[in-house]
Amino acid sequence: MIKRILTVMVMAMVLPLAASAQKFAFVDMEYILDRIPAYERATEQLNQLSKRWNAEIDALALEAQNMYKSYQNESLFLSEEQKSKRENEIIEKEKQATELRRQYFGVDGELQKKQESLMAPIQDEIYEAVKQISEKDGYQVVVDRSSAQSVIFASPKIDISRQVLAKLGYSE
């Protein structure tokens, strides 16, 4: 019992010392990315691709909609077999639009793959710069201020975003 109490007392004295020895820093990834021209170009390329693909999907959806309107106008004059055939054609066109949307914008879609291929090199470069600064300056933890929802306030003195930009060769 006494050993347990002594252990708890020693831990109570040592843990605050260990915690206070750690150095923390913040980076603002949004701030950094907004100042990297390659990121801006990649974002614009993704936006253009997204617009083009949306237009393609919208064209298919409009075609299905027009097919349906035509079907409604002509349905009184069609046989049951013709109606069934036209309904199936409309359903197939809608399925094509849905499948194309999934192919382009789905979880493992083309947009996601393109975004990874364009953004990964930029992010890797930033993370490497953060790592080098952290090793040089002795930071054990670096938190992204733009995604850290629970951080209410962080001193600008521990924000290394400008150092990261300088390390990457970008100045303000």
N, C-alpha and C. Protein backbone atom coordinates (compact mmCIF):
# COMPACT_ATOMS: atom_id res chain seq x y z
N MET A 1 0.81 -1.19 0.00
CA MET A 1 0.00 0.00 0.00
C MET A 1 0.86 1.26 0.00
N ILE A 2 1.89 1.28 0.78
CA ILE A 2 2.78 2.44 0.85
C ILE A 2 3.51 2.61 -0.48
N LYS A 3 3.91 1.48 -1.10
CA LYS A 3 4.57 1.56 -2.41
C LYS A 3 3.64 2.21 -3.44
N ARG A 4 2.39 1.86 -3.37
CA ARG A 4 1.42 2.39 -4.32
C ARG A 4 1.27 3.90 -4.12
N ILE A 5 1.20 4.34 -2.88
CA ILE A 5 1.07 5.77 -2.58
C ILE A 5 2.31 6.52 -3.04
N LEU A 6 3.50 5.96 -2.77
CA LEU A 6 4.74 6.59 -3.21
C LEU A 6 4.80 6.67 -4.73
N THR A 7 4.38 5.60 -5.40
CA THR A 7 4.39 5.59 -6.87
C THR A 7 3.47 6.68 -7.41
N VAL A 8 2.29 6.81 -6.84
CA VAL A 8 1.34 7.84 -7.27
C VAL A 8 1.92 9.23 -7.03
N MET A 9 2.57 9.43 -5.89
CA MET A 9 3.16 10.74 -5.58
C MET A 9 4.28 11.08 -6.54
N VAL A 10 5.14 10.12 -6.85
CA VAL A 10 6.24 10.35 -7.79
C VAL A 10 5.68 10.67 -9.17
N MET A 11 4.67 9.91 -9.60
CA MET A 11 4.06 10.15 -10.90
C MET A 11 3.44 11.54 -10.95
N ALA A 12 2.80 11.94 -9.85
CA ALA A 12 2.17 13.25 -9.80
C ALA A 12 3.19 14.37 -9.93
N MET A 13 4.40 14.15 -9.49
CA MET A 13 5.45 15.18 -9.59
C MET A 13 6.15 15.13 -10.95
N VAL A 14 6.35 13.94 -11.51
CA VAL A 14 7.11 13.78 -12.74
C VAL A 14 6.29 14.11 -13.99
N LEU A 15 5.03 13.70 -14.03
CA LEU A 15 4.21 13.91 -15.22
C LEU A 15 4.07 15.38 -15.62
N PRO A 16 3.81 16.29 -14.69
CA PRO A 16 3.75 17.70 -15.11
C PRO A 16 5.07 18.21 -15.67
N LEU A 17 6.18 17.73 -15.15
CA LEU A 17 7.48 18.14 -15.67
C LEU A 17 7.67 17.63 -17.09
N ALA A 18 7.28 16.38 -17.33
CA ALA A 18 7.42 15.80 -18.67
C ALA A 18 6.52 16.52 -19.66
N ALA A 19 5.30 16.84 -19.23
CA ALA A 19 4.37 17.52 -20.13
C ALA A 19 4.84 18.93 -20.44
N SER A 20 5.41 19.61 -19.48
CA SER A 20 5.84 20.98 -19.72
C SER A 20 7.08 21.04 -20.61
N ALA A 21 7.80 19.95 -20.74
CA ALA A 21 9.01 19.95 -21.55
C ALA A 21 8.69 19.83 -23.04
N GLN A 22 7.48 19.44 -23.37
CA GLN A 22 7.11 19.27 -24.77
C GLN A 22 6.87 20.63 -25.41
N LYS A 23 7.30 20.76 -26.67
CA LYS A 23 7.07 21.99 -27.41
C LYS A 23 6.00 21.74 -28.46
N PHE A 24 5.08 22.69 -28.56
CA PHE A 24 4.00 22.61 -29.51
C PHE A 24 4.09 23.76 -30.50
N ALA A 25 3.54 23.51 -31.69
CA ALA A 25 3.47 24.57 -32.70
C ALA A 25 2.18 24.38 -33.50
N PHE A 26 1.80 25.43 -34.16
CA PHE A 26 0.63 25.39 -35.03
C PHE A 26 1.04 25.79 -36.44
N VAL A 27 0.33 25.22 -37.41
CA VAL A 27 0.42 25.68 -38.79
C VAL A 27 -1.01 25.92 -39.25
N ASP A 28 -1.17 26.80 -40.18
CA ASP A 28 -2.48 27.06 -40.78
C ASP A 28 -2.39 26.61 -42.23
N MET A 29 -2.86 25.39 -42.49
CA MET A 29 -2.74 24.82 -43.84
C MET A 29 -3.48 25.66 -44.88
N GLU A 30 -4.62 26.22 -44.52
CA GLU A 30 -5.34 27.07 -45.47
C GLU A 30 -4.49 28.28 -45.85
N TYR A 31 -3.89 28.90 -44.86
CA TYR A 31 -3.02 30.06 -45.09
C TYR A 31 -1.86 29.68 -46.01
N ILE A 32 -1.25 28.54 -45.74
CA ILE A 32 -0.10 28.08 -46.53
C ILE A 32 -0.54 27.76 -47.96
N LEU A 33 -1.60 26.96 -48.09
CA LEU A 33 -2.05 26.54 -49.42
C LEU A 33 -2.49 27.73 -50.28
N ASP A 34 -3.11 28.73 -49.66
CA ASP A 34 -3.55 29.92 -50.40
C ASP A 34 -2.38 30.69 -51.00
N ARG A 35 -1.18 30.46 -50.52
CA ARG A 35 -0.01 31.20 -50.99
C ARG A 35 0.91 30.36 -51.88
N ILE A 36 0.45 29.18 -52.27
CA ILE A 36 1.24 28.31 -53.15
C ILE A 36 0.57 28.29 -54.52
N PRO A 37 1.22 28.85 -55.53
CA PRO A 37 0.62 28.91 -56.88
C PRO A 37 0.25 27.53 -57.44
N ALA A 38 1.02 26.51 -57.17
CA ALA A 38 0.71 25.17 -57.69
C ALA A 38 -0.62 24.67 -57.13
N TYR A 39 -0.92 25.01 -55.91
CA TYR A 39 -2.19 24.62 -55.30
C TYR A 39 -3.34 25.34 -56.00
N GLU A 40 -3.17 26.61 -56.27
CA GLU A 40 -4.19 27.39 -56.97
C GLU A 40 -4.44 26.81 -58.37
N ARG A 41 -3.36 26.45 -59.07
CA ARG A 41 -3.50 25.86 -60.42
C ARG A 41 -4.20 24.51 -60.34
N ALA A 42 -3.85 23.70 -59.37
CA ALA A 42 -4.47 22.39 -59.20
C ALA A 42 -5.95 22.53 -58.90
N THR A 43 -6.29 23.48 -58.04
CA THR A 43 -7.69 23.72 -57.69
C THR A 43 -8.47 24.16 -58.91
N GLU A 44 -7.90 25.04 -59.71
CA GLU A 44 -8.57 25.51 -60.92
C GLU A 44 -8.76 24.36 -61.91
N GLN A 45 -7.75 23.52 -62.04
CA GLN A 45 -7.84 22.36 -62.93
C GLN A 45 -8.96 21.42 -62.47
N LEU A 46 -9.06 21.19 -61.17
CA LEU A 46 -10.12 20.34 -60.63
C LEU A 46 -11.50 20.97 -60.85
N ASN A 47 -11.59 22.28 -60.69
CA ASN A 47 -12.86 22.97 -60.92
C ASN A 47 -13.31 22.85 -62.37
N GLN A 48 -12.37 23.03 -63.30
CA GLN A 48 -12.70 22.91 -64.72
C GLN A 48 -13.15 21.49 -65.07
N LEU A 49 -12.44 20.52 -64.54
CA LEU A 49 -12.78 19.12 -64.77
C LEU A 49 -14.17 18.82 -64.21
N SER A 50 -14.43 19.31 -63.02
CA SER A 50 -15.73 19.11 -62.38
C SER A 50 -16.85 19.74 -63.21
N LYS A 51 -16.63 20.95 -63.71
CA LYS A 51 -17.63 21.62 -64.55
C LYS A 51 -17.90 20.82 -65.82
N ARG A 52 -16.83 20.34 -66.45
CA ARG A 52 -16.98 19.58 -67.69
C ARG A 52 -17.77 18.29 -67.44
N TRP A 53 -17.43 17.59 -66.37
CA TRP A 53 -18.12 16.35 -66.06
C TRP A 53 -19.57 16.60 -65.66
N ASN A 54 -19.83 17.67 -64.91
CA ASN A 54 -21.21 18.00 -64.55
C ASN A 54 -22.03 18.32 -65.79
N ALA A 55 -21.43 19.01 -66.74
CA ALA A 55 -22.13 19.33 -67.99
C ALA A 55 -22.48 18.05 -68.75
N GLU A 56 -21.57 17.10 -68.75
CA GLU A 56 -21.80 15.82 -69.42
C GLU A 56 -22.96 15.07 -68.75
N ILE A 57 -22.97 15.07 -67.43
CA ILE A 57 -24.04 14.39 -66.68
C ILE A 57 -25.36 15.12 -66.88
N ASP A 58 -25.32 16.44 -66.83
CA ASP A 58 -26.53 17.24 -67.03
C ASP A 58 -27.12 17.01 -68.42
N ALA A 59 -26.27 16.85 -69.42
CA ALA A 59 -26.74 16.59 -70.79
C ALA A 59 -27.49 15.26 -70.85
N LEU A 60 -26.95 14.24 -70.19
CA LEU A 60 -27.63 12.95 -70.16
C LEU A 60 -28.97 13.05 -69.41
N ALA A 61 -28.98 13.75 -68.30
CA ALA A 61 -30.20 13.92 -67.52
C ALA A 61 -31.25 14.70 -68.32
N LEU A 62 -30.82 15.71 -69.04
CA LEU A 62 -31.74 16.49 -69.87
C LEU A 62 -32.30 15.62 -71.00
N GLU A 63 -31.44 14.81 -71.56
CA GLU A 63 -31.89 13.90 -72.62
C GLU A 63 -32.96 12.95 -72.08
N ALA A 64 -32.74 12.42 -70.87
CA ALA A 64 -33.74 11.53 -70.26
C ALA A 64 -35.04 12.29 -69.99
N GLN A 65 -34.91 13.53 -69.54
CA GLN A 65 -36.09 14.35 -69.25
C GLN A 65 -36.88 14.62 -70.54
N ASN A 66 -36.16 14.94 -71.61
CA ASN A 66 -36.83 15.19 -72.90
C ASN A 66 -37.48 13.92 -73.44
N MET A 67 -36.82 12.79 -73.23
CA MET A 67 -37.40 11.51 -73.66
C MET A 67 -38.70 11.26 -72.88
N TYR A 68 -38.72 11.61 -71.61
CA TYR A 68 -39.90 11.39 -70.78
C TYR A 68 -41.03 12.32 -71.22
N LYS A 69 -40.72 13.59 -71.50
CA LYS A 69 -41.75 14.53 -71.97
C LYS A 69 -42.35 14.05 -73.30
N SER A 70 -41.49 13.60 -74.18
CA SER A 70 -41.95 13.09 -75.47
C SER A 70 -42.85 11.86 -75.26
N TYR A 71 -42.43 11.02 -74.37
CA TYR A 71 -43.21 9.82 -74.04
C TYR A 71 -44.58 10.20 -73.50
N GLN A 72 -44.63 11.19 -72.61
CA GLN A 72 -45.91 11.62 -72.05
C GLN A 72 -46.84 12.16 -73.14
N ASN A 73 -46.26 12.94 -74.06
CA ASN A 73 -47.08 13.52 -75.13
C ASN A 73 -47.59 12.46 -76.11
N GLU A 74 -46.83 11.40 -76.30
CA GLU A 74 -47.18 10.40 -77.30
C GLU A 74 -47.77 9.13 -76.71
N SER A 75 -47.84 9.02 -75.40
CA SER A 75 -48.24 7.76 -74.77
C SER A 75 -49.64 7.28 -75.18
N LEU A 76 -50.53 8.20 -75.46
CA LEU A 76 -51.89 7.80 -75.86
C LEU A 76 -51.89 7.07 -77.21
N PHE A 77 -50.89 7.35 -78.01
CA PHE A 77 -50.84 6.79 -79.37
C PHE A 77 -49.93 5.57 -79.48
N LEU A 78 -49.33 5.16 -78.35
CA LEU A 78 -48.38 4.05 -78.37
C LEU A 78 -49.03 2.76 -77.90
N SER A 79 -48.57 1.65 -78.47
CA SER A 79 -49.05 0.35 -78.00
C SER A 79 -48.36 0.04 -76.67
N GLU A 80 -48.85 -0.96 -75.97
CA GLU A 80 -48.25 -1.34 -74.68
C GLU A 80 -46.78 -1.74 -74.88
N GLU A 81 -46.50 -2.40 -75.97
CA GLU A 81 -45.12 -2.82 -76.25
C GLU A 81 -44.23 -1.61 -76.50
N GLN A 82 -44.73 -0.63 -77.24
CA GLN A 82 -43.98 0.59 -77.50
C GLN A 82 -43.78 1.40 -76.21
N LYS A 83 -44.83 1.45 -75.39
CA LYS A 83 -44.72 2.15 -74.11
C LYS A 83 -43.64 1.51 -73.25
N SER A 84 -43.67 0.22 -73.16
CA SER A 84 -42.69 -0.50 -72.34
C SER A 84 -41.27 -0.26 -72.85
N LYS A 85 -41.12 -0.28 -74.17
CA LYS A 85 -39.80 -0.04 -74.77
C LYS A 85 -39.31 1.37 -74.46
N ARG A 86 -40.17 2.35 -74.62
CA ARG A 86 -39.79 3.75 -74.36
C ARG A 86 -39.48 3.97 -72.87
N GLU A 87 -40.28 3.37 -71.99
CA GLU A 87 -40.03 3.48 -70.55
C GLU A 87 -38.66 2.90 -70.20
N ASN A 88 -38.35 1.76 -70.78
CA ASN A 88 -37.04 1.14 -70.53
C ASN A 88 -35.90 2.01 -71.05
N GLU A 89 -36.11 2.65 -72.19
CA GLU A 89 -35.08 3.54 -72.74
C GLU A 89 -34.85 4.74 -71.82
N ILE A 90 -35.94 5.28 -71.28
CA ILE A 90 -35.83 6.41 -70.35
C ILE A 90 -35.10 5.99 -69.08
N ILE A 91 -35.50 4.85 -68.55
CA ILE A 91 -34.86 4.33 -67.33
C ILE A 91 -33.37 4.09 -67.58
N GLU A 92 -33.05 3.55 -68.73
CA GLU A 92 -31.64 3.29 -69.07
C GLU A 92 -30.84 4.59 -69.16
N LYS A 93 -31.43 5.61 -69.74
CA LYS A 93 -30.75 6.92 -69.86
C LYS A 93 -30.52 7.51 -68.47
N GLU A 94 -31.51 7.40 -67.59
CA GLU A 94 -31.35 7.89 -66.21
C GLU A 94 -30.26 7.11 -65.48
N LYS A 95 -30.22 5.81 -65.71
CA LYS A 95 -29.18 4.97 -65.10
C LYS A 95 -27.79 5.38 -65.59
N GLN A 96 -27.69 5.71 -66.87
CA GLN A 96 -26.41 6.15 -67.43
C GLN A 96 -25.94 7.42 -66.73
N ALA A 97 -26.86 8.36 -66.53
CA ALA A 97 -26.49 9.61 -65.85
C ALA A 97 -26.06 9.34 -64.41
N THR A 98 -26.79 8.48 -63.72
CA THR A 98 -26.45 8.13 -62.33
C THR A 98 -25.10 7.43 -62.27
N GLU A 99 -24.87 6.51 -63.17
CA GLU A 99 -23.60 5.77 -63.19
C GLU A 99 -22.42 6.70 -63.51
N LEU A 100 -22.64 7.61 -64.42
CA LEU A 100 -21.59 8.57 -64.77
C LEU A 100 -21.27 9.48 -63.57
N ARG A 101 -22.29 9.91 -62.85
CA ARG A 101 -22.08 10.72 -61.64
C ARG A 101 -21.25 9.94 -60.62
N ARG A 102 -21.61 8.67 -60.42
CA ARG A 102 -20.86 7.84 -59.48
C ARG A 102 -19.42 7.65 -59.96
N GLN A 103 -19.24 7.42 -61.24
CA GLN A 103 -17.91 7.21 -61.81
C GLN A 103 -17.02 8.44 -61.64
N TYR A 104 -17.59 9.61 -61.87
CA TYR A 104 -16.81 10.84 -61.77
C TYR A 104 -16.68 11.37 -60.34
N PHE A 105 -17.80 11.35 -59.60
CA PHE A 105 -17.83 12.03 -58.31
C PHE A 105 -18.01 11.10 -57.12
N GLY A 106 -18.04 9.81 -57.33
CA GLY A 106 -18.23 8.86 -56.24
C GLY A 106 -17.02 8.80 -55.31
N VAL A 107 -17.13 7.95 -54.30
CA VAL A 107 -16.09 7.83 -53.27
C VAL A 107 -14.72 7.55 -53.90
N ASP A 108 -14.64 6.62 -54.80
CA ASP A 108 -13.38 6.33 -55.48
C ASP A 108 -13.43 6.80 -56.93
N GLY A 109 -14.13 7.91 -57.15
CA GLY A 109 -14.35 8.40 -58.50
C GLY A 109 -13.13 9.10 -59.10
N GLU A 110 -13.29 9.47 -60.35
CA GLU A 110 -12.22 10.10 -61.11
C GLU A 110 -11.77 11.42 -60.49
N LEU A 111 -12.71 12.19 -59.96
CA LEU A 111 -12.35 13.47 -59.34
C LEU A 111 -11.47 13.25 -58.11
N GLN A 112 -11.84 12.27 -57.32
CA GLN A 112 -11.05 11.94 -56.12
C GLN A 112 -9.63 11.51 -56.52
N LYS A 113 -9.53 10.68 -57.53
CA LYS A 113 -8.21 10.20 -57.99
C LYS A 113 -7.37 11.36 -58.53
N LYS A 114 -8.02 12.23 -59.30
CA LYS A 114 -7.31 13.38 -59.88
C LYS A 114 -6.87 14.33 -58.77
N GLN A 115 -7.73 14.54 -57.79
CA GLN A 115 -7.38 15.41 -56.67
C GLN A 115 -6.17 14.86 -55.92
N GLU A 116 -6.18 13.58 -55.66
CA GLU A 116 -5.04 12.96 -54.97
C GLU A 116 -3.75 13.11 -55.79
N SER A 117 -3.84 12.90 -57.08
CA SER A 117 -2.63 12.98 -57.90
C SER A 117 -2.08 14.41 -57.99
N LEU A 118 -2.98 15.40 -57.97
CA LEU A 118 -2.53 16.79 -58.05
C LEU A 118 -2.10 17.35 -56.70
N MET A 119 -2.81 16.97 -55.64
CA MET A 119 -2.56 17.57 -54.33
C MET A 119 -1.49 16.85 -53.51
N ALA A 120 -1.34 15.55 -53.71
CA ALA A 120 -0.39 14.78 -52.89
C ALA A 120 1.03 15.35 -52.94
N PRO A 121 1.57 15.69 -54.12
CA PRO A 121 2.93 16.25 -54.13
C PRO A 121 3.04 17.57 -53.35
N ILE A 122 2.02 18.40 -53.44
CA ILE A 122 2.03 19.68 -52.72
C ILE A 122 1.98 19.42 -51.22
N GLN A 123 1.08 18.55 -50.80
CA GLN A 123 0.95 18.23 -49.38
C GLN A 123 2.22 17.56 -48.85
N ASP A 124 2.80 16.68 -49.63
CA ASP A 124 4.04 16.02 -49.20
C ASP A 124 5.15 17.03 -48.98
N GLU A 125 5.22 17.99 -49.87
CA GLU A 125 6.24 19.04 -49.75
C GLU A 125 6.03 19.87 -48.48
N ILE A 126 4.78 20.19 -48.20
CA ILE A 126 4.46 20.96 -46.99
C ILE A 126 4.79 20.14 -45.74
N TYR A 127 4.38 18.88 -45.72
CA TYR A 127 4.64 18.04 -44.56
C TYR A 127 6.13 17.84 -44.33
N GLU A 128 6.88 17.74 -45.39
CA GLU A 128 8.33 17.60 -45.25
C GLU A 128 8.94 18.87 -44.65
N ALA A 129 8.47 20.03 -45.10
CA ALA A 129 8.95 21.30 -44.54
C ALA A 129 8.59 21.40 -43.06
N VAL A 130 7.37 21.02 -42.71
CA VAL A 130 6.94 21.04 -41.31
C VAL A 130 7.83 20.10 -40.49
N LYS A 131 8.08 18.94 -41.02
CA LYS A 131 8.92 17.96 -40.32
C LYS A 131 10.32 18.51 -40.08
N GLN A 132 10.91 19.11 -41.09
CA GLN A 132 12.26 19.65 -40.95
C GLN A 132 12.31 20.78 -39.92
N ILE A 133 11.32 21.67 -39.96
CA ILE A 133 11.26 22.76 -38.98
C ILE A 133 11.06 22.19 -37.58
N SER A 134 10.19 21.20 -37.46
CA SER A 134 9.92 20.58 -36.16
C SER A 134 11.17 19.92 -35.59
N GLU A 135 11.90 19.22 -36.42
CA GLU A 135 13.12 18.57 -35.95
C GLU A 135 14.17 19.61 -35.56
N LYS A 136 14.30 20.66 -36.36
CA LYS A 136 15.29 21.69 -36.09
C LYS A 136 14.97 22.45 -34.80
N ASP A 137 13.68 22.79 -34.61
CA ASP A 137 13.28 23.61 -33.47
C ASP A 137 12.78 22.81 -32.28
N GLY A 138 12.74 21.49 -32.40
CA GLY A 138 12.38 20.64 -31.27
C GLY A 138 10.90 20.57 -30.94
N TYR A 139 10.02 20.70 -31.93
CA TYR A 139 8.58 20.58 -31.68
C TYR A 139 8.20 19.10 -31.67
N GLN A 140 7.51 18.69 -30.61
CA GLN A 140 7.03 17.31 -30.55
C GLN A 140 5.67 17.17 -31.23
N VAL A 141 4.89 18.23 -31.23
CA VAL A 141 3.55 18.20 -31.80
C VAL A 141 3.34 19.47 -32.63
N VAL A 142 2.83 19.28 -33.85
CA VAL A 142 2.44 20.41 -34.69
C VAL A 142 0.99 20.15 -35.09
N VAL A 143 0.12 21.11 -34.79
CA VAL A 143 -1.31 20.97 -35.03
C VAL A 143 -1.71 21.92 -36.15
N ASP A 144 -2.57 21.42 -37.05
CA ASP A 144 -3.12 22.27 -38.11
C ASP A 144 -4.23 23.12 -37.52
N ARG A 145 -3.99 24.39 -37.44
CA ARG A 145 -4.94 25.33 -36.84
C ARG A 145 -6.26 25.36 -37.62
N SER A 146 -6.21 25.21 -38.93
CA SER A 146 -7.42 25.31 -39.74
C SER A 146 -8.35 24.11 -39.57
N SER A 147 -7.83 22.98 -39.09
CA SER A 147 -8.70 21.82 -38.90
C SER A 147 -8.84 21.43 -37.44
N ALA A 148 -8.17 22.11 -36.55
CA ALA A 148 -8.26 21.80 -35.11
C ALA A 148 -9.47 22.50 -34.52
N GLN A 149 -10.60 21.83 -34.51
CA GLN A 149 -11.85 22.44 -34.08
C GLN A 149 -11.87 22.77 -32.59
N SER A 150 -11.12 22.04 -31.80
CA SER A 150 -11.21 22.28 -30.37
C SER A 150 -10.23 23.34 -29.88
N VAL A 151 -9.40 23.88 -30.75
CA VAL A 151 -8.47 24.93 -30.35
C VAL A 151 -9.22 26.26 -30.39
N ILE A 152 -9.34 26.87 -29.24
CA ILE A 152 -10.05 28.14 -29.15
C ILE A 152 -9.09 29.29 -29.39
N PHE A 153 -7.89 29.19 -28.84
CA PHE A 153 -6.90 30.24 -29.01
C PHE A 153 -5.52 29.59 -29.03
N ALA A 154 -4.67 30.11 -29.89
CA ALA A 154 -3.26 29.70 -29.93
C ALA A 154 -2.44 30.95 -30.17
N SER A 155 -1.41 31.09 -29.42
CA SER A 155 -0.55 32.27 -29.54
C SER A 155 0.10 32.32 -30.92
N PRO A 156 0.08 33.48 -31.55
CA PRO A 156 0.76 33.63 -32.83
C PRO A 156 2.26 33.31 -32.75
N LYS A 157 2.80 33.35 -31.55
CA LYS A 157 4.22 33.07 -31.36
C LYS A 157 4.56 31.62 -31.70
N ILE A 158 3.58 30.70 -31.62
CA ILE A 158 3.87 29.30 -31.92
C ILE A 158 3.32 28.88 -33.28
N ASP A 159 2.89 29.85 -34.08
CA ASP A 159 2.42 29.57 -35.44
C ASP A 159 3.63 29.59 -36.37
N ILE A 160 3.92 28.44 -36.98
CA ILE A 160 5.11 28.33 -37.85
C ILE A 160 4.75 28.37 -39.34
N SER A 161 3.55 28.83 -39.67
CA SER A 161 3.09 28.84 -41.06
C SER A 161 4.03 29.64 -41.96
N ARG A 162 4.47 30.78 -41.51
CA ARG A 162 5.37 31.61 -42.34
C ARG A 162 6.72 30.93 -42.51
N GLN A 163 7.18 30.24 -41.48
CA GLN A 163 8.44 29.50 -41.60
C GLN A 163 8.30 28.40 -42.65
N VAL A 164 7.16 27.74 -42.66
CA VAL A 164 6.92 26.68 -43.64
C VAL A 164 6.94 27.27 -45.03
N LEU A 165 6.25 28.38 -45.25
CA LEU A 165 6.26 29.02 -46.56
C LEU A 165 7.67 29.41 -46.98
N ALA A 166 8.43 29.96 -46.06
CA ALA A 166 9.81 30.35 -46.37
C ALA A 166 10.65 29.12 -46.72
N LYS A 167 10.44 28.04 -46.00
CA LYS A 167 11.18 26.79 -46.26
C LYS A 167 10.84 26.26 -47.66
N LEU A 168 9.59 26.49 -48.10
CA LEU A 168 9.17 26.05 -49.43
C LEU A 168 9.60 27.01 -50.53
N GLY A 169 10.12 28.16 -50.13
CA GLY A 169 10.59 29.13 -51.11
C GLY A 169 9.58 30.18 -51.47
N TYR A 170 8.55 30.34 -50.66
CA TYR A 170 7.52 31.36 -50.92
C TYR A 170 7.62 32.41 -49.83
N SER A 171 7.65 33.65 -50.25
CA SER A 171 7.66 34.73 -49.27
C SER A 171 6.45 35.60 -49.51
N GLU A 172 6.12 36.37 -48.51
CA GLU A 172 4.92 37.22 -48.65
C GLU A 172 5.30 38.58 -49.16
